[in-house]
Amino acid sequence: MNKHNRADTKRSAKAENILSQINSETKLGDLRKIAKDIKKDHELAMELWSTEAFMPRQLAILIMDKNLLSQELLDQLDQDMQIHSYDERNKLMDWLMANQLAKHKKTIALMEQWENSPSALQRRTFWYYQARLRWTGQTPPNNNADLLSAIEARIAQEEPEVQWAMNFTAGWIGVYDDENRARCIQMGEKTGLYKDEMVSKGCTPNYLPEFIEIEVNKRNQT
């Protein structure tokens, strides 16, 4: 199917019905409710994805069949995401990771090979998944020191979306790993990443020394 006319192709009545329920006011909770009714429907997911619109693509991710997510299909989805803005692209990939990729051994194995992927979104996902393993309280593999060495070597040259995920991983290693905490704080001081970033009230800063201090204090109070 030609990419340029993909958004205009004739759609099934089922897809049209779903699309009529989605507009700019639709919230993620609404999409989850629609997805709960549909359950899993990979064909419908691909039809919604082909609209090239952000909200339908978020819904599509929720109803995909994770057993059908091969590296080839993920590369195609990644390429398709490039039409979106920086923020939307990252949100779609993070949503895909949380709702599909992190829930199946086969796709976790794919993500774990993305550290050096040519795709910035896939590299971001590798790092974001490492961070997620730690912040969700799962017992992560004993690879903190190796991850920190890779971050120290490459973070300065990385794309902004990957930098953020690397920094986020270093933050959670610093929170949960006493032995490597000082190393993570020093990394933040050295890179200076996010040092002067304005943060909304109630949000934790991304600057590593502050992030680690705040999150460690939270856990010490409980």
Protein backbone atom coordinates (compact mmCIF):
# COMPACT_ATOMS: atom_id res chain seq x y z
CA MET A 1 0.00 0.00 0.00
CA ASN A 2 1.38 3.36 -0.94
CA LYS A 3 2.26 5.34 2.18
CA HIS A 4 0.83 8.58 0.79
CA ASN A 5 -2.67 7.27 0.28
CA ARG A 6 -2.72 4.99 3.28
CA ALA A 7 -4.66 7.49 5.38
CA ASP A 8 -7.32 7.74 2.66
CA THR A 9 -7.91 4.04 1.97
CA LYS A 10 -11.40 2.63 2.40
CA ARG A 11 -11.93 1.43 5.95
CA SER A 12 -14.15 -1.25 7.42
CA ALA A 13 -17.41 -0.30 9.14
CA LYS A 14 -15.86 -1.50 12.41
CA ALA A 15 -12.95 0.92 12.07
CA GLU A 16 -15.23 3.79 11.04
CA ASN A 17 -17.42 3.14 14.09
CA ILE A 18 -14.40 3.23 16.43
CA LEU A 19 -12.99 6.36 14.77
CA SER A 20 -16.32 8.15 15.22
CA GLN A 21 -15.86 7.75 19.01
CA ILE A 22 -12.46 9.49 19.05
CA ASN A 23 -11.81 13.23 18.85
CA SER A 24 -9.44 15.85 20.25
CA GLU A 25 -11.25 15.72 23.63
CA THR A 26 -10.70 11.96 24.03
CA LYS A 27 -8.60 11.04 27.09
CA LEU A 28 -6.32 8.04 27.56
CA GLY A 29 -8.85 6.58 29.98
CA ASP A 30 -11.48 6.71 27.22
CA LEU A 31 -9.16 4.88 24.85
CA ARG A 32 -8.56 2.21 27.50
CA LYS A 33 -12.35 1.71 27.87
CA ILE A 34 -12.79 1.32 24.10
CA ALA A 35 -9.82 -1.07 24.01
CA LYS A 36 -11.29 -3.13 26.86
CA ASP A 37 -14.44 -3.72 24.82
CA ILE A 38 -12.48 -4.63 21.69
CA LYS A 39 -9.89 -6.74 23.57
CA LYS A 40 -7.34 -7.93 20.98
CA ASP A 41 -7.85 -7.27 17.26
CA HIS A 42 -4.61 -6.95 15.34
CA GLU A 43 -6.27 -6.40 11.97
CA LEU A 44 -8.36 -3.54 13.37
CA ALA A 45 -5.24 -2.17 15.10
CA MET A 46 -3.40 -2.00 11.79
CA GLU A 47 -6.40 -0.28 10.18
CA LEU A 48 -6.51 2.34 12.95
CA TRP A 49 -2.73 2.74 12.69
CA SER A 50 -3.03 3.44 8.96
CA THR A 51 -5.05 6.62 9.68
CA GLU A 52 -1.70 8.25 10.64
CA ALA A 53 -3.53 10.13 13.44
CA PHE A 54 -2.14 10.24 16.99
CA MET A 55 -5.20 9.17 19.05
CA PRO A 56 -6.23 6.28 16.77
CA ARG A 57 -2.61 5.11 16.83
CA GLN A 58 -2.62 5.11 20.64
CA LEU A 59 -5.77 2.98 20.58
CA ALA A 60 -4.23 0.71 17.93
CA ILE A 61 -1.30 0.02 20.26
CA LEU A 62 -3.68 -1.14 23.01
CA ILE A 63 -5.41 -3.75 20.81
CA MET A 64 -2.39 -5.13 18.91
CA ASP A 65 -1.51 -8.80 19.28
CA LYS A 66 1.91 -8.84 20.93
CA ASN A 67 2.60 -12.29 19.46
CA LEU A 68 2.65 -10.68 16.00
CA LEU A 69 5.13 -7.89 16.90
CA SER A 70 8.21 -9.00 14.97
CA GLN A 71 11.33 -6.85 14.61
CA GLU A 72 10.27 -6.18 11.01
CA LEU A 73 6.84 -4.87 12.05
CA LEU A 74 8.34 -2.83 14.89
CA ASP A 75 10.77 -1.23 12.43
CA GLN A 76 7.79 -0.32 10.24
CA LEU A 77 5.85 1.17 13.18
CA ASP A 78 8.97 3.11 14.19
CA GLN A 79 9.29 4.49 10.65
CA ASP A 80 5.57 5.39 10.63
CA MET A 81 6.00 7.33 13.90
CA GLN A 82 8.47 9.70 12.24
CA ILE A 83 5.59 11.76 10.76
CA HIS A 84 4.61 12.82 14.31
CA SER A 85 6.03 15.66 16.39
CA TYR A 86 8.93 14.93 18.76
CA ASP A 87 6.60 14.61 21.80
CA GLU A 88 3.97 12.50 20.04
CA ARG A 89 6.62 10.18 18.62
CA ASN A 90 8.11 9.57 22.05
CA LYS A 91 4.66 9.09 23.61
CA LEU A 92 3.68 6.51 21.00
CA MET A 93 6.90 4.53 21.48
CA ASP A 94 6.69 4.69 25.29
CA TRP A 95 3.03 3.61 25.13
CA LEU A 96 3.99 0.69 22.86
CA MET A 97 6.72 -0.34 25.29
CA ALA A 98 4.48 -0.18 28.38
CA ASN A 99 1.37 -1.77 26.88
CA GLN A 100 2.88 -4.40 24.59
CA LEU A 101 6.65 -4.83 24.44
CA ALA A 102 7.23 -5.16 28.20
CA LYS A 103 4.54 -7.87 28.49
CA HIS A 104 6.00 -10.68 26.39
CA LYS A 105 9.34 -12.51 26.68
CA LYS A 106 9.86 -12.40 22.92
CA THR A 107 9.43 -8.61 22.65
CA ILE A 108 11.44 -8.00 25.85
CA ALA A 109 14.26 -9.94 24.15
CA LEU A 110 13.94 -7.67 21.10
CA MET A 111 14.07 -4.51 23.26
CA GLU A 112 17.16 -5.79 25.04
CA GLN A 113 18.98 -5.85 21.69
CA TRP A 114 18.21 -2.21 20.90
CA GLU A 115 21.03 -0.56 22.84
CA ASN A 116 22.92 0.10 19.58
CA SER A 117 19.97 0.19 17.18
CA PRO A 118 20.25 2.70 14.30
CA SER A 119 16.83 3.99 15.44
CA ALA A 120 16.85 6.67 18.16
CA LEU A 121 13.36 5.58 19.26
CA GLN A 122 14.52 2.00 19.71
CA ARG A 123 17.62 3.09 21.64
CA ARG A 124 15.38 5.24 23.84
CA THR A 125 13.15 2.22 24.45
CA PHE A 126 16.13 0.07 25.49
CA TRP A 127 17.05 2.61 28.15
CA TYR A 128 13.52 3.43 29.21
CA TYR A 129 12.84 -0.27 29.76
CA GLN A 130 15.97 -0.56 31.95
CA ALA A 131 14.71 2.39 34.02
CA ARG A 132 11.22 0.89 34.23
CA LEU A 133 12.53 -2.42 35.57
CA ARG A 134 13.99 -0.48 38.49
CA TRP A 135 11.23 2.02 39.26
CA THR A 136 8.49 -0.63 39.17
CA GLY A 137 10.33 -2.51 41.89
CA GLN A 138 11.22 -5.53 39.76
CA THR A 139 14.56 -7.11 40.50
CA PRO A 140 16.68 -5.90 37.58
CA PRO A 141 19.59 -7.87 36.12
CA ASN A 142 22.85 -7.21 37.90
CA ASN A 143 24.12 -4.92 35.13
CA ASN A 144 24.10 -1.49 36.80
CA ALA A 145 27.84 -0.88 36.45
CA ASP A 146 27.83 -1.89 32.77
CA LEU A 147 24.84 0.33 32.02
CA LEU A 148 26.47 3.29 33.78
CA SER A 149 29.70 2.79 31.80
CA ALA A 150 27.70 2.82 28.55
CA ILE A 151 25.81 5.95 29.64
CA GLU A 152 29.00 7.77 30.66
CA ALA A 153 30.61 6.95 27.31
CA ARG A 154 27.70 7.92 25.07
CA ILE A 155 25.18 10.25 26.73
CA ALA A 156 26.88 13.49 25.61
CA GLN A 157 26.64 12.52 21.91
CA GLU A 158 23.15 10.99 22.00
CA GLU A 159 19.92 12.30 20.50
CA PRO A 160 17.83 14.27 23.06
CA GLU A 161 15.13 11.58 23.38
CA VAL A 162 17.78 8.92 24.09
CA GLN A 163 19.70 11.22 26.45
CA TRP A 164 16.55 11.62 28.53
CA ALA A 165 16.04 7.85 28.85
CA MET A 166 19.71 7.22 29.67
CA ASN A 167 19.59 9.93 32.33
CA PHE A 168 16.35 8.45 33.70
CA THR A 169 17.98 5.02 33.97
CA ALA A 170 20.98 6.49 35.80
CA GLY A 171 18.55 8.25 38.13
CA TRP A 172 16.78 5.04 39.15
CA ILE A 173 20.06 3.15 39.50
CA GLY A 174 21.17 5.96 41.84
CA VAL A 175 17.97 5.67 43.86
CA TYR A 176 18.05 1.90 44.39
CA ASP A 177 21.76 1.03 44.25
CA ASP A 178 23.69 2.46 47.22
CA GLU A 179 27.04 1.34 45.81
CA ASN A 180 26.59 3.25 42.55
CA ARG A 181 24.71 6.27 43.94
CA ALA A 182 27.71 8.61 44.16
CA ARG A 183 28.73 7.65 40.62
CA CYS A 184 25.25 8.59 39.30
CA ILE A 185 25.27 11.92 41.14
CA GLN A 186 28.75 12.70 39.78
CA MET A 187 27.56 11.86 36.27
CA GLY A 188 24.73 14.37 36.62
CA GLU A 189 27.14 17.04 37.85
CA LYS A 190 29.54 16.32 35.00
CA THR A 191 26.98 16.32 32.17
CA GLY A 192 24.95 19.16 33.70
CA LEU A 193 21.92 17.77 31.86
CA TYR A 194 18.59 19.34 32.94
CA LYS A 195 20.32 21.41 35.66
CA ASP A 196 18.41 24.59 34.87
CA GLU A 197 15.20 22.95 33.68
CA MET A 198 12.00 24.44 35.05
CA VAL A 199 9.88 21.77 36.73
CA SER A 200 6.12 21.85 37.34
CA LYS A 201 5.00 21.86 40.97
CA GLY A 202 4.96 18.33 42.38
CA CYS A 203 7.24 16.92 39.65
CA THR A 204 10.70 15.54 40.32
CA PRO A 205 13.52 17.36 38.45
CA ASN A 206 15.47 15.37 35.83
CA TYR A 207 18.81 16.75 37.08
CA LEU A 208 20.40 13.65 38.61
CA PRO A 209 21.69 15.03 41.95
CA GLU A 210 18.23 16.46 42.73
CA PHE A 211 16.28 13.53 41.28
CA ILE A 212 18.22 10.98 43.34
CA GLU A 213 18.04 13.01 46.57
CA ILE A 214 14.27 13.56 46.30
CA GLU A 215 13.44 9.95 45.37
CA VAL A 216 15.73 8.46 48.04
CA ASN A 217 14.16 10.73 50.70
CA LYS A 218 10.67 9.66 49.63
CA ARG A 219 11.59 6.02 50.15
CA ASN A 220 13.25 6.69 53.50
CA GLN A 221 10.07 8.29 54.80
CA THR A 222 7.86 5.29 54.08
